[in-house]
């Protein structure tokens, strides 16, 4: 028995579909992007297929398929991750000054 229709139904333009197809065929493409391209092509071919069925067909987790469907439906189409917050800030020296060499050990003269 099929479940309810998917809430998020992203649509692809023909250019986006062609880009996904090219990426899917590239042997040196990042595998995470290839998996997303396969998902996008499956969504384009069968938009009424449920999230769980798509995840099963692609061998992916249901939550991941749902998240990408939602991201594409609400925030536009992309195959790459959003940039993260970057490197964590380094701790400043206790004095807060711009002293060089703080915390660096030097060899003792014997």
PDB file of N, CA and C in Angstrom:
ATOM      1  N   UNK A   1       0.845  -1.166   0.000  1.00  0.00           N
ATOM      2  CA  UNK A   1       0.000   0.000   0.000  1.00  0.00           C
ATOM      3  C   UNK A   1       0.895   1.235   0.000  1.00  0.00           C
ATOM      4  N   UNK A   2       0.773   2.101  -0.996  1.00  0.00           N
ATOM      5  CA  UNK A   2       1.599   3.302  -1.034  1.00  0.00           C
ATOM      6  C   UNK A   2       1.163   4.279   0.043  1.00  0.00           C
ATOM      7  N   UNK A   3       2.123   5.020   0.538  1.00  0.00           N
ATOM      8  CA  UNK A   3       1.847   6.021   1.562  1.00  0.00           C
ATOM      9  C   UNK A   3       1.346   7.308   0.945  1.00  0.00           C
ATOM     10  N   UNK A   4       1.310   8.333   1.746  1.00  0.00           N
ATOM     11  CA  UNK A   4       0.863   9.625   1.218  1.00  0.00           C
ATOM     12  C   UNK A   4       1.860  10.186   0.218  1.00  0.00           C
ATOM     13  N   UNK A   5       1.403  11.104  -0.581  1.00  0.00           N
ATOM     14  CA  UNK A   5       2.280  11.728  -1.576  1.00  0.00           C
ATOM     15  C   UNK A   5       3.371  12.518  -0.859  1.00  0.00           C
ATOM     16  N   UNK A   6       4.571  12.572  -1.424  1.00  0.00           N
ATOM     17  CA  UNK A   6       5.664  13.314  -0.788  1.00  0.00           C
ATOM     18  C   UNK A   6       5.310  14.791  -0.615  1.00  0.00           C
ATOM     19  N   UNK A   7       5.721  15.339   0.517  1.00  0.00           N
ATOM     20  CA  UNK A   7       5.448  16.743   0.812  1.00  0.00           C
ATOM     21  C   UNK A   7       6.267  17.658  -0.080  1.00  0.00           C
ATOM     22  N   UNK A   8       7.548  17.353  -0.206  1.00  0.00           N
ATOM     23  CA  UNK A   8       8.453  18.200  -0.983  1.00  0.00           C
ATOM     24  C   UNK A   8       8.657  17.583  -2.357  1.00  0.00           C
ATOM     25  N   UNK A   9       8.329  18.363  -3.380  1.00  0.00           N
ATOM     26  CA  UNK A   9       8.468  17.889  -4.760  1.00  0.00           C
ATOM     27  C   UNK A   9       9.306  18.872  -5.558  1.00  0.00           C
ATOM     28  N   UNK A  10      10.632  18.719  -5.502  1.00  0.00           N
ATOM     29  CA  UNK A  10      11.473  19.630  -6.279  1.00  0.00           C
ATOM     30  C   UNK A  10      11.362  19.334  -7.768  1.00  0.00           C
ATOM     31  N   UNK A  11      11.562  20.358  -8.574  1.00  0.00           N
ATOM     32  CA  UNK A  11      11.537  20.189 -10.025  1.00  0.00           C
ATOM     33  C   UNK A  11      12.896  20.585 -10.588  1.00  0.00           C
ATOM     34  N   UNK A  12      13.294  19.906 -11.640  1.00  0.00           N
ATOM     35  CA  UNK A  12      14.560  20.189 -12.311  1.00  0.00           C
ATOM     36  C   UNK A  12      14.296  20.833 -13.656  1.00  0.00           C
ATOM     37  N   UNK A  13      15.138  21.777 -14.013  1.00  0.00           N
ATOM     38  CA  UNK A  13      15.089  22.326 -15.361  1.00  0.00           C
ATOM     39  C   UNK A  13      15.839  21.355 -16.271  1.00  0.00           C
ATOM     40  N   UNK A  14      15.645  21.431 -17.569  1.00  0.00           N
ATOM     41  CA  UNK A  14      16.400  20.543 -18.467  1.00  0.00           C
ATOM     42  C   UNK A  14      17.918  20.721 -18.341  1.00  0.00           C
ATOM     43  N   UNK A  15      18.361  21.957 -18.074  1.00  0.00           N
ATOM     44  CA  UNK A  15      19.806  22.187 -17.908  1.00  0.00           C
ATOM     45  C   UNK A  15      20.333  21.492 -16.657  1.00  0.00           C
ATOM     46  N   UNK A  16      19.562  21.555 -15.563  1.00  0.00           N
ATOM     47  CA  UNK A  16      19.980  20.887 -14.335  1.00  0.00           C
ATOM     48  C   UNK A  16      19.989  19.378 -14.514  1.00  0.00           C
ATOM     49  N   UNK A  17      19.019  18.854 -15.223  1.00  0.00           N
ATOM     50  CA  UNK A  17      18.985  17.419 -15.502  1.00  0.00           C
ATOM     51  C   UNK A  17      20.176  16.973 -16.333  1.00  0.00           C
ATOM     52  N   UNK A  18      20.532  17.790 -17.332  1.00  0.00           N
ATOM     53  CA  UNK A  18      21.694  17.457 -18.160  1.00  0.00           C
ATOM     54  C   UNK A  18      22.979  17.527 -17.341  1.00  0.00           C
ATOM     55  N   UNK A  19      23.076  18.506 -16.439  1.00  0.00           N
ATOM     56  CA  UNK A  19      24.262  18.610 -15.588  1.00  0.00           C
ATOM     57  C   UNK A  19      24.367  17.400 -14.654  1.00  0.00           C
ATOM     58  N   UNK A  20      23.239  16.940 -14.123  1.00  0.00           N
ATOM     59  CA  UNK A  20      23.243  15.747 -13.263  1.00  0.00           C
ATOM     60  C   UNK A  20      23.666  14.513 -14.051  1.00  0.00           C
ATOM     61  N   UNK A  21      23.182  14.402 -15.266  1.00  0.00           N
ATOM     62  CA  UNK A  21      23.544  13.253 -16.103  1.00  0.00           C
ATOM     63  C   UNK A  21      25.030  13.265 -16.431  1.00  0.00           C
ATOM     64  N   UNK A  22      25.578  14.434 -16.748  1.00  0.00           N
ATOM     65  CA  UNK A  22      27.022  14.528 -17.022  1.00  0.00           C
ATOM     66  C   UNK A  22      27.835  14.167 -15.778  1.00  0.00           C
ATOM     67  N   UNK A  23      27.410  14.659 -14.636  1.00  0.00           N
ATOM     68  CA  UNK A  23      28.131  14.377 -13.392  1.00  0.00           C
ATOM     69  C   UNK A  23      28.058  12.895 -13.050  1.00  0.00           C
ATOM     70  N   UNK A  24      26.909  12.299 -13.283  1.00  0.00           N
ATOM     71  CA  UNK A  24      26.732  10.875 -12.974  1.00  0.00           C
ATOM     72  C   UNK A  24      27.657  10.002 -13.819  1.00  0.00           C
ATOM     73  N   UNK A  25      27.950  10.426 -15.023  1.00  0.00           N
ATOM     74  CA  UNK A  25      28.790   9.643 -15.927  1.00  0.00           C
ATOM     75  C   UNK A  25      30.280   9.909 -15.767  1.00  0.00           C
ATOM     76  N   UNK A  26      30.652  10.979 -15.064  1.00  0.00           N
ATOM     77  CA  UNK A  26      32.068  11.323 -14.894  1.00  0.00           C
ATOM     78  C   UNK A  26      32.741  10.361 -13.927  1.00  0.00           C
ATOM     79  N   UNK A  27      33.812   9.688 -14.334  1.00  0.00           N
ATOM     80  CA  UNK A  27      34.432   8.694 -13.444  1.00  0.00           C
ATOM     81  C   UNK A  27      35.184   9.304 -12.269  1.00  0.00           C
ATOM     82  N   UNK A  28      35.576  10.575 -12.346  1.00  0.00           N
ATOM     83  CA  UNK A  28      36.351  11.168 -11.263  1.00  0.00           C
ATOM     84  C   UNK A  28      35.526  12.139 -10.417  1.00  0.00           C
ATOM     85  N   UNK A  29      34.219  12.088 -10.534  1.00  0.00           N
ATOM     86  CA  UNK A  29      33.362  13.000  -9.778  1.00  0.00           C
ATOM     87  C   UNK A  29      33.320  12.577  -8.314  1.00  0.00           C
ATOM     88  N   UNK A  30      33.171  13.530  -7.400  1.00  0.00           N
ATOM     89  CA  UNK A  30      33.022  13.190  -5.980  1.00  0.00           C
ATOM     90  C   UNK A  30      31.775  12.327  -5.770  1.00  0.00           C
ATOM     91  N   UNK A  31      31.920  11.257  -5.029  1.00  0.00           N
ATOM     92  CA  UNK A  31      30.837  10.282  -4.907  1.00  0.00           C
ATOM     93  C   UNK A  31      29.602  10.840  -4.212  1.00  0.00           C
ATOM     94  N   UNK A  32      29.780  11.767  -3.286  1.00  0.00           N
ATOM     95  CA  UNK A  32      28.614  12.369  -2.629  1.00  0.00           C
ATOM     96  C   UNK A  32      27.784  13.142  -3.650  1.00  0.00           C
ATOM     97  N   UNK A  33      28.438  13.850  -4.553  1.00  0.00           N
ATOM     98  CA  UNK A  33      27.713  14.601  -5.575  1.00  0.00           C
ATOM     99  C   UNK A  33      27.068  13.666  -6.589  1.00  0.00           C
ATOM    100  N   UNK A  34      27.726  12.553  -6.891  1.00  0.00           N
ATOM    101  CA  UNK A  34      27.143  11.569  -7.815  1.00  0.00           C
ATOM    102  C   UNK A  34      25.871  10.984  -7.215  1.00  0.00           C
ATOM    103  N   UNK A  35      25.900  10.677  -5.911  1.00  0.00           N
ATOM    104  CA  UNK A  35      24.713  10.135  -5.252  1.00  0.00           C
ATOM    105  C   UNK A  35      23.568  11.149  -5.294  1.00  0.00           C
ATOM    106  N   UNK A  36      23.871  12.421  -5.089  1.00  0.00           N
ATOM    107  CA  UNK A  36      22.834  13.453  -5.156  1.00  0.00           C
ATOM    108  C   UNK A  36      22.316  13.629  -6.580  1.00  0.00           C
ATOM    109  N   UNK A  37      23.204  13.506  -7.558  1.00  0.00           N
ATOM    110  CA  UNK A  37      22.775  13.604  -8.955  1.00  0.00           C
ATOM    111  C   UNK A  37      21.844  12.444  -9.312  1.00  0.00           C
ATOM    112  N   UNK A  38      22.166  11.246  -8.835  1.00  0.00           N
ATOM    113  CA  UNK A  38      21.291  10.086  -9.078  1.00  0.00           C
ATOM    114  C   UNK A  38      19.933  10.307  -8.437  1.00  0.00           C
ATOM    115  N   UNK A  39      19.930  10.850  -7.217  1.00  0.00           N
ATOM    116  CA  UNK A  39      18.664  11.136  -6.546  1.00  0.00           C
ATOM    117  C   UNK A  39      17.867  12.169  -7.331  1.00  0.00           C
ATOM    118  N   UNK A  40      18.523  13.211  -7.794  1.00  0.00           N
ATOM    119  CA  UNK A  40      17.833  14.252  -8.554  1.00  0.00           C
ATOM    120  C   UNK A  40      17.240  13.685  -9.843  1.00  0.00           C
ATOM    121  N   UNK A  41      17.992  12.817 -10.516  1.00  0.00           N
ATOM    122  CA  UNK A  41      17.482  12.217 -11.754  1.00  0.00           C
ATOM    123  C   UNK A  41      16.294  11.295 -11.470  1.00  0.00           C
ATOM    124  N   UNK A  42      16.358  10.564 -10.356  1.00  0.00           N
ATOM    125  CA  UNK A  42      15.232   9.702  -9.992  1.00  0.00           C
ATOM    126  C   UNK A  42      14.009  10.546  -9.631  1.00  0.00           C
ATOM    127  N   UNK A  43      14.219  11.643  -8.915  1.00  0.00           N
ATOM    128  CA  UNK A  43      13.105  12.541  -8.586  1.00  0.00           C
ATOM    129  C   UNK A  43      12.484  13.133  -9.843  1.00  0.00           C
ATOM    130  N   UNK A  44      13.328  13.443 -10.811  1.00  0.00           N
ATOM    131  CA  UNK A  44      12.822  14.008 -12.063  1.00  0.00           C
ATOM    132  C   UNK A  44      12.027  12.970 -12.855  1.00  0.00           C
ATOM    133  N   UNK A  45      12.506  11.737 -12.861  1.00  0.00           N
ATOM    134  CA  UNK A  45      11.837  10.687 -13.622  1.00  0.00           C
ATOM    135  C   UNK A  45      10.547  10.218 -12.945  1.00  0.00           C
ATOM    136  N   UNK A  46      10.582  10.122 -11.608  1.00  0.00           N
ATOM    137  CA  UNK A  46       9.418   9.606 -10.871  1.00  0.00           C
ATOM    138  C   UNK A  46       9.119  10.496  -9.670  1.00  0.00           C
ATOM    139  N   UNK A  47       8.502  11.649  -9.877  1.00  0.00           N
ATOM    140  CA  UNK A  47       8.278  12.595  -8.775  1.00  0.00           C
ATOM    141  C   UNK A  47       7.285  12.102  -7.722  1.00  0.00           C
ATOM    142  N   UNK A  48       6.408  11.161  -8.070  1.00  0.00           N
ATOM    143  CA  UNK A  48       5.408  10.688  -7.115  1.00  0.00           C
ATOM    144  C   UNK A  48       5.907   9.527  -6.261  1.00  0.00           C
ATOM    145  N   UNK A  49       7.093   9.044  -6.528  1.00  0.00           N
ATOM    146  CA  UNK A  49       7.655   7.947  -5.743  1.00  0.00           C
ATOM    147  C   UNK A  49       7.966   8.450  -4.341  1.00  0.00           C
ATOM    148  N   UNK A  50       7.613   7.669  -3.341  1.00  0.00           N
ATOM    149  CA  UNK A  50       7.819   8.082  -1.956  1.00  0.00           C
ATOM    150  C   UNK A  50       9.294   8.140  -1.587  1.00  0.00           C
ATOM    151  N   UNK A  51       9.590   8.841  -0.512  1.00  0.00           N
ATOM    152  CA  UNK A  51      10.963   9.027  -0.056  1.00  0.00           C
ATOM    153  C   UNK A  51      11.599   7.702   0.332  1.00  0.00           C
ATOM    154  N   UNK A  52      10.864   6.862   1.042  1.00  0.00           N
ATOM    155  CA  UNK A  52      11.409   5.570   1.472  1.00  0.00           C
ATOM    156  C   UNK A  52      11.704   4.675   0.272  1.00  0.00           C
ATOM    157  N   UNK A  53      10.832   4.697  -0.719  1.00  0.00           N
ATOM    158  CA  UNK A  53      11.048   3.889  -1.916  1.00  0.00           C
ATOM    159  C   UNK A  53      12.260   4.392  -2.701  1.00  0.00           C
ATOM    160  N   UNK A  54      12.434   5.694  -2.773  1.00  0.00           N
ATOM    161  CA  UNK A  54      13.604   6.251  -3.455  1.00  0.00           C
ATOM    162  C   UNK A  54      14.881   5.878  -2.718  1.00  0.00           C
ATOM    163  N   UNK A  55      14.848   5.960  -1.400  1.00  0.00           N
ATOM    164  CA  UNK A  55      16.025   5.605  -0.608  1.00  0.00           C
ATOM    165  C   UNK A  55      16.377   4.141  -0.817  1.00  0.00           C
ATOM    166  N   UNK A  56      15.371   3.270  -0.820  1.00  0.00           N
ATOM    167  CA  UNK A  56      15.608   1.842  -1.050  1.00  0.00           C
ATOM    168  C   UNK A  56      16.197   1.597  -2.428  1.00  0.00           C
ATOM    169  N   UNK A  57      15.655   2.271  -3.419  1.00  0.00           N
ATOM    170  CA  UNK A  57      16.101   2.069  -4.798  1.00  0.00           C
ATOM    171  C   UNK A  57      17.544   2.524  -4.992  1.00  0.00           C
ATOM    172  N   UNK A  58      17.949   3.568  -4.279  1.00  0.00           N
ATOM    173  CA  UNK A  58      19.308   4.097  -4.431  1.00  0.00           C
ATOM    174  C   UNK A  58      20.290   3.543  -3.402  1.00  0.00           C
ATOM    175  N   UNK A  59      19.782   2.812  -2.409  1.00  0.00           N
ATOM    176  CA  UNK A  59      20.658   2.287  -1.370  1.00  0.00           C
ATOM    177  C   UNK A  59      21.136   3.369  -0.421  1.00  0.00           C
ATOM    178  N   UNK A  60      20.308   4.360  -0.162  1.00  0.00           N
ATOM    179  CA  UNK A  60      20.643   5.485   0.711  1.00  0.00           C
ATOM    180  C   UNK A  60      19.757   5.455   1.946  1.00  0.00           C
ATOM    181  N   UNK A  61      20.075   6.305   2.915  1.00  0.00           N
ATOM    182  CA  UNK A  61      19.253   6.452   4.114  1.00  0.00           C
ATOM    183  C   UNK A  61      18.040   7.332   3.807  1.00  0.00           C
ATOM    184  N   UNK A  62      16.917   7.017   4.426  1.00  0.00           N
ATOM    185  CA  UNK A  62      15.681   7.758   4.195  1.00  0.00           C
ATOM    186  C   UNK A  62      15.842   9.218   4.621  1.00  0.00           C
ATOM    187  N   UNK A  63      16.499   9.445   5.762  1.00  0.00           N
ATOM    188  CA  UNK A  63      16.652  10.821   6.245  1.00  0.00           C
ATOM    189  C   UNK A  63      17.454  11.671   5.271  1.00  0.00           C
ATOM    190  N   UNK A  64      18.493  11.101   4.684  1.00  0.00           N
ATOM    191  CA  UNK A  64      19.300  11.849   3.724  1.00  0.00           C
ATOM    192  C   UNK A  64      18.517  12.206   2.484  1.00  0.00           C
ATOM    193  N   UNK A  65      17.721  11.279   1.985  1.00  0.00           N
ATOM    194  CA  UNK A  65      16.886  11.540   0.806  1.00  0.00           C
ATOM    195  C   UNK A  65      15.865  12.633   1.138  1.00  0.00           C
ATOM    196  N   UNK A  66      15.259  12.542   2.312  1.00  0.00           N
ATOM    197  CA  UNK A  66      14.276  13.549   2.710  1.00  0.00           C
ATOM    198  C   UNK A  66      14.918  14.928   2.820  1.00  0.00           C
ATOM    199  N   UNK A  67      16.097  14.998   3.418  1.00  0.00           N
ATOM    200  CA  UNK A  67      16.756  16.296   3.593  1.00  0.00           C
ATOM    201  C   UNK A  67      17.080  16.955   2.255  1.00  0.00           C
ATOM    202  N   UNK A  68      17.560  16.157   1.294  1.00  0.00           N
ATOM    203  CA  UNK A  68      17.887  16.748  -0.011  1.00  0.00           C
ATOM    204  C   UNK A  68      16.620  17.141  -0.766  1.00  0.00           C
ATOM    205  N   UNK A  69      15.562  16.356  -0.647  1.00  0.00           N
ATOM    206  CA  UNK A  69      14.297  16.745  -1.293  1.00  0.00           C
ATOM    207  C   UNK A  69      13.816  18.074  -0.734  1.00  0.00           C
ATOM    208  N   UNK A  70      13.865  18.197   0.589  1.00  0.00           N
ATOM    209  CA  UNK A  70      13.414  19.437   1.228  1.00  0.00           C
ATOM    210  C   UNK A  70      14.303  20.615   0.832  1.00  0.00           C
ATOM    211  N   UNK A  71      15.629  20.398   0.818  1.00  0.00           N
ATOM    212  CA  UNK A  71      16.555  21.473   0.453  1.00  0.00           C
ATOM    213  C   UNK A  71      16.316  21.942  -0.979  1.00  0.00           C
ATOM    214  N   UNK A  72      16.104  21.004  -1.883  1.00  0.00           N
ATOM    215  CA  UNK A  72      15.874  21.374  -3.284  1.00  0.00           C
ATOM    216  C   UNK A  72      14.526  22.054  -3.472  1.00  0.00           C
ATOM    217  N   UNK A  73      13.521  21.636  -2.733  1.00  0.00           N
ATOM    218  CA  UNK A  73      12.187  22.221  -2.891  1.00  0.00           C
ATOM    219  C   UNK A  73      12.097  23.607  -2.272  1.00  0.00           C
ATOM    220  N   UNK A  74      12.841  23.858  -1.194  1.00  0.00           N
ATOM    221  CA  UNK A  74      12.715  25.138  -0.497  1.00  0.00           C
ATOM    222  C   UNK A  74      13.851  26.106  -0.774  1.00  0.00           C
ATOM    223  N   UNK A  75      15.051  25.596  -1.043  1.00  0.00           N
ATOM    224  CA  UNK A  75      16.192  26.494  -1.164  1.00  0.00           C
ATOM    225  C   UNK A  75      16.860  26.520  -2.507  1.00  0.00           C
ATOM    226  N   UNK A  76      16.317  25.887  -3.501  1.00  0.00           N
ATOM    227  CA  UNK A  76      16.955  25.876  -4.813  1.00  0.00           C
ATOM    228  C   UNK A  76      17.814  24.633  -5.005  1.00  0.00           C
ATOM    229  N   UNK A  77      18.165  24.389  -6.238  1.00  0.00           N
ATOM    230  CA  UNK A  77      18.884  23.165  -6.585  1.00  0.00           C
ATOM    231  C   UNK A  77      20.386  23.374  -6.489  1.00  0.00           C
ATOM    232  N   UNK A  78      21.064  22.461  -5.809  1.00  0.00           N
ATOM    233  CA  UNK A  78      22.525  22.428  -5.719  1.00  0.00           C
ATOM    234  C   UNK A  78      22.938  21.001  -5.384  1.00  0.00           C
ATOM    235  N   UNK A  79      24.134  20.626  -5.803  1.00  0.00           N
ATOM    236  CA  UNK A  79      24.638  19.283  -5.512  1.00  0.00           C
ATOM    237  C   UNK A  79      25.738  19.296  -4.460  1.00  0.00           C
ATOM    238  N   UNK A  80      26.215  20.466  -4.100  1.00  0.00           N
ATOM    239  CA  UNK A  80      27.287  20.563  -3.113  1.00  0.00           C
ATOM    240  C   UNK A  80      26.715  20.961  -1.758  1.00  0.00           C
ATOM    241  N   UNK A  81      27.471  20.676  -0.717  1.00  0.00           N
ATOM    242  CA  UNK A  81      27.070  21.075   0.628  1.00  0.00           C
ATOM    243  C   UNK A  81      27.222  22.580   0.784  1.00  0.00           C
ATOM    244  N   UNK A  82      26.475  23.142   1.697  1.00  0.00           N
ATOM    245  CA  UNK A  82      26.673  24.544   2.040  1.00  0.00           C
ATOM    246  C   UNK A  82      28.005  24.653   2.768  1.00  0.00           C
ATOM    247  N   UNK A  83      28.674  25.786   2.655  1.00  0.00           N
ATOM    248  CA  UNK A  83      29.934  25.924   3.385  1.00  0.00           C
ATOM    249  C   UNK A  83      29.685  25.903   4.889  1.00  0.00           C
ATOM    250  N   UNK A  84      30.600  25.277   5.590  1.00  0.00           N
ATOM    251  CA  UNK A  84      30.476  25.192   7.044  1.00  0.00           C
ATOM    252  C   UNK A  84      30.933  26.472   7.709  1.00  0.00           C
ATOM    253  N   UNK A  85      31.036  26.420   8.999  1.00  0.00           N
ATOM    254  CA  UNK A  85      31.433  27.617   9.731  1.00  0.00           C
ATOM    255  C   UNK A  85      32.929  27.840   9.687  1.00  0.00           C
ATOM    256  N   UNK A  86      33.669  26.874   9.192  1.00  0.00           N
ATOM    257  CA  UNK A  86      35.111  27.047   9.056  1.00  0.00           C
ATOM    258  C   UNK A  86      35.858  26.505  10.255  1.00  0.00           C
ATOM    259  N   UNK A  87      37.087  26.869  10.309  1.00  0.00           N
ATOM    260  CA  UNK A  87      37.946  26.393  11.379  1.00  0.00           C
ATOM    261  C   UNK A  87      37.532  27.031  12.701  1.00  0.00           C
ATOM    262  N   UNK A  88      37.606  26.252  13.759  1.00  0.00           N
ATOM    263  CA  UNK A  88      37.275  26.773  15.075  1.00  0.00           C
ATOM    264  C   UNK A  88      38.295  27.832  15.463  1.00  0.00           C
ATOM    265  N   UNK A  89      37.862  28.853  16.179  1.00  0.00           N
ATOM    266  CA  UNK A  89      38.810  29.898  16.560  1.00  0.00           C
ATOM    267  C   UNK A  89      39.849  29.366  17.540  1.00  0.00           C
ATOM    268  N   UNK A  90      41.069  29.837  17.368  1.00  0.00           N
ATOM    269  CA  UNK A  90      42.141  29.438  18.276  1.00  0.00           C
ATOM    270  C   UNK A  90      42.006  30.232  19.572  1.00  0.00           C
ATOM    271  N   UNK A  91      42.461  29.643  20.647  1.00  0.00           N
ATOM    272  CA  UNK A  91      42.431  30.338  21.925  1.00  0.00           C
ATOM    273  C   UNK A  91      43.487  31.431  21.927  1.00  0.00           C
ATOM    274  N   UNK A  92      43.125  32.576  22.429  1.00  0.00           N
ATOM    275  CA  UNK A  92      44.097  33.657  22.501  1.00  0.00           C
ATOM    276  C   UNK A  92      44.990  33.441  23.729  1.00  0.00           C
ATOM    277  N   UNK A  93      46.181  34.010  23.721  1.00  0.00           N
ATOM    278  CA  UNK A  93      47.066  33.863  24.875  1.00  0.00           C
ATOM    279  C   UNK A  93      46.443  34.497  26.121  1.00  0.00           C
ATOM    280  N   UNK A  94      46.845  34.062  27.313  1.00  0.00           N
ATOM    281  CA  UNK A  94      46.220  34.569  28.531  1.00  0.00           C
ATOM    282  C   UNK A  94      46.300  36.084  28.678  1.00  0.00           C
ATOM    283  N   UNK A  95      47.390  36.692  28.228  1.00  0.00           N
ATOM    284  CA  UNK A  95      47.526  38.141  28.355  1.00  0.00           C
ATOM    285  C   UNK A  95      46.723  38.890  27.314  1.00  0.00           C
ATOM    286  N   UNK A  96      46.323  38.223  26.263  1.00  0.00           N
ATOM    287  CA  UNK A  96      45.542  38.855  25.215  1.00  0.00           C
ATOM    288  C   UNK A  96      46.375  39.710  24.285  1.00  0.00           C
ATOM    289  N   UNK A  97      47.685  39.755  24.492  1.00  0.00           N
ATOM    290  CA  UNK A  97      48.532  40.587  23.649  1.00  0.00           C
ATOM    291  C   UNK A  97      48.948  39.867  22.392  1.00  0.00           C
ATOM    292  N   UNK A  98      49.734  40.570  21.608  1.00  0.00           N
ATOM    293  CA  UNK A  98      50.221  40.002  20.355  1.00  0.00           C
ATOM    294  C   UNK A  98      51.652  39.505  20.524  1.00  0.00           C
ATOM    295  N   UNK A  99      51.929  38.830  21.607  1.00  0.00           N
ATOM    296  CA  UNK A  99      53.282  38.355  21.865  1.00  0.00           C
ATOM    297  C   UNK A  99      53.584  37.164  20.970  1.00  0.00           C
ATOM    298  N   UNK A 100      54.741  37.180  20.388  1.00  0.00           N
ATOM    299  CA  UNK A 100      55.158  36.052  19.565  1.00  0.00           C
ATOM    300  C   UNK A 100      55.835  35.026  20.451  1.00  0.00           C
ATOM    301  N   UNK A 101      55.629  33.786  20.127  1.00  0.00           N
ATOM    302  CA  UNK A 101      56.331  32.725  20.837  1.00  0.00           C
ATOM    303  C   UNK A 101      55.684  32.320  22.143  1.00  0.00           C
ATOM    304  N   UNK A 102      54.530  32.834  22.464  1.00  0.00           N
ATOM    305  CA  UNK A 102      53.869  32.440  23.693  1.00  0.00           C
ATOM    306  C   UNK A 102      53.422  30.995  23.552  1.00  0.00           C
ATOM    307  N   UNK A 103      53.787  30.207  24.505  1.00  0.00           N
ATOM    308  CA  UNK A 103      53.393  28.806  24.490  1.00  0.00           C
ATOM    309  C   UNK A 103      54.336  27.921  23.706  1.00  0.00           C
ATOM    310  N   UNK A 104      55.368  28.467  23.123  1.00  0.00           N
ATOM    311  CA  UNK A 104      56.326  27.680  22.372  1.00  0.00           C
ATOM    312  C   UNK A 104      57.498  27.376  23.290  1.00  0.00           C
ATOM    313  N   UNK A 105      57.795  26.122  23.427  1.00  0.00           N
ATOM    314  CA  UNK A 105      58.919  25.739  24.276  1.00  0.00           C
ATOM    315  C   UNK A 105      60.226  25.857  23.503  1.00  0.00           C
ATOM    316  N   UNK A 106      61.221  26.331  24.181  1.00  0.00           N
ATOM    317  CA  UNK A 106      62.556  26.401  23.574  1.00  0.00           C
ATOM    318  C   UNK A 106      63.452  25.408  24.278  1.00  0.00           C
ATOM    319  N   UNK A 107      64.460  24.951  23.561  1.00  0.00           N
ATOM    320  CA  UNK A 107      65.389  23.982  24.137  1.00  0.00           C
ATOM    321  C   UNK A 107      66.277  24.697  25.168  1.00  0.00           C
ATOM    322  N   UNK A 108      66.495  24.049  26.293  1.00  0.00           N
ATOM    323  CA  UNK A 108      67.352  24.618  27.330  1.00  0.00           C
ATOM    324  C   UNK A 108      68.802  24.372  26.999  1.00  0.00           C
ATOM    325  N   UNK A 109      69.613  25.355  27.285  1.00  0.00           N
ATOM    326  CA  UNK A 109      71.053  25.159  27.105  1.00  0.00           C
ATOM    327  C   UNK A 109      71.569  24.369  28.296  1.00  0.00           C
ATOM    328  N   UNK A 110      72.342  23.358  28.032  1.00  0.00           N
ATOM    329  CA  UNK A 110      72.812  22.489  29.115  1.00  0.00           C
ATOM    330  C   UNK A 110      74.074  22.973  29.746  1.00  0.00           C
TER     331      UNK A 110
END
